[in-house]
Protein backbone atom coordinates (compact mmCIF):
# COMPACT_ATOMS: atom_id res chain seq x y z
CA MET A 1 -14.64 -3.43 19.02
CA LEU A 2 -14.96 -6.17 16.39
CA ASP A 3 -18.65 -6.66 17.17
CA ILE A 4 -19.29 -2.93 16.88
CA PHE A 5 -17.79 -2.86 13.38
CA GLY A 6 -19.56 -6.07 12.41
CA GLU A 7 -22.94 -4.86 13.60
CA ALA A 8 -22.46 -1.61 11.71
CA GLY A 9 -21.69 -3.58 8.54
CA ARG A 10 -18.10 -2.35 8.48
CA VAL A 11 -16.56 -5.77 7.88
CA SER A 12 -13.41 -4.39 6.25
CA SER A 13 -12.75 -2.29 9.37
CA MET A 14 -13.39 -5.34 11.52
CA THR A 15 -10.90 -7.49 9.62
CA HIS A 16 -8.37 -4.63 9.69
CA VAL A 17 -8.58 -4.44 13.49
CA PHE A 18 -8.29 -8.24 13.69
CA LYS A 19 -5.11 -8.20 11.60
CA GLN A 20 -3.68 -5.43 13.78
CA MET A 21 -4.40 -7.56 16.86
CA GLN A 22 -2.49 -10.45 15.30
CA GLU A 23 0.44 -8.24 14.28
CA LYS A 24 0.72 -6.84 17.81
CA GLY A 25 0.75 -10.32 19.30
CA ILE A 26 -2.59 -10.02 21.08
CA LYS A 27 -3.88 -13.47 21.99
CA ILE A 28 -6.91 -14.30 19.88
CA ASP A 29 -9.47 -16.30 21.83
CA ASP A 30 -12.47 -18.40 20.89
CA ILE A 31 -14.87 -15.49 21.43
CA THR A 32 -12.97 -13.38 18.91
CA TYR A 33 -12.96 -16.15 16.31
CA THR A 34 -16.68 -16.76 16.81
CA SER A 35 -17.45 -13.07 16.41
CA LEU A 36 -15.45 -12.87 13.19
CA MET A 37 -17.13 -15.93 11.71
CA HIS A 38 -20.55 -14.58 12.66
CA TRP A 39 -20.11 -11.18 11.02
CA LEU A 40 -18.28 -12.50 7.96
CA SER A 41 -21.03 -15.01 7.27
CA ASN A 42 -23.74 -12.38 7.88
CA ALA A 43 -22.03 -10.19 5.30
CA GLY A 44 -22.09 -13.07 2.81
CA ASP A 45 -18.36 -13.79 3.01
CA VAL A 46 -18.64 -17.52 3.56
CA ASP A 47 -15.12 -18.13 2.25
CA GLY A 48 -13.75 -15.63 4.78
CA ALA A 49 -15.69 -17.31 7.60
CA VAL A 50 -14.32 -20.71 6.57
CA GLN A 51 -10.80 -19.28 6.48
CA ILE A 52 -11.24 -17.98 10.04
CA TRP A 53 -12.61 -21.40 11.07
CA GLU A 54 -9.52 -23.10 9.65
CA GLU A 55 -7.21 -20.61 11.36
CA MET A 56 -9.04 -21.12 14.63
CA ARG A 57 -8.64 -24.88 14.37
CA ALA A 58 -4.95 -24.50 13.53
CA GLN A 59 -4.54 -22.42 16.70
CA GLY A 60 -5.95 -25.22 18.84
CA CYS A 61 -9.55 -24.15 19.26
CA TRP A 62 -12.35 -26.67 18.92
CA SER A 63 -16.10 -26.41 18.85
CA SER A 64 -18.43 -27.88 21.38
CA ARG A 65 -22.13 -28.27 20.92
CA PHE A 66 -22.80 -24.88 22.46
CA ARG A 67 -19.74 -22.76 21.77
CA ILE A 68 -16.20 -22.85 20.51
CA ARG A 69 -13.50 -23.39 23.09
CA ARG A 70 -9.73 -23.55 23.21
CA LYS A 71 -8.30 -26.98 23.94
CA PRO A 72 -6.66 -27.19 27.41
């Protein structure tokens, strides 16, 4: 769902759905964080992408050379 909004350029809808996921207690994984950072940066919202990066790190995710993964 997030990728569909991001690809369509509907970043505000994408971030709204992301916030709803958080509020409902849905577990946010590394794929979700990566998707958000991708579409935010494509839309020119570098500060938003950095904020998501910081949140991801605070939640225990880390980046490898090839993708971002959650620490075991």
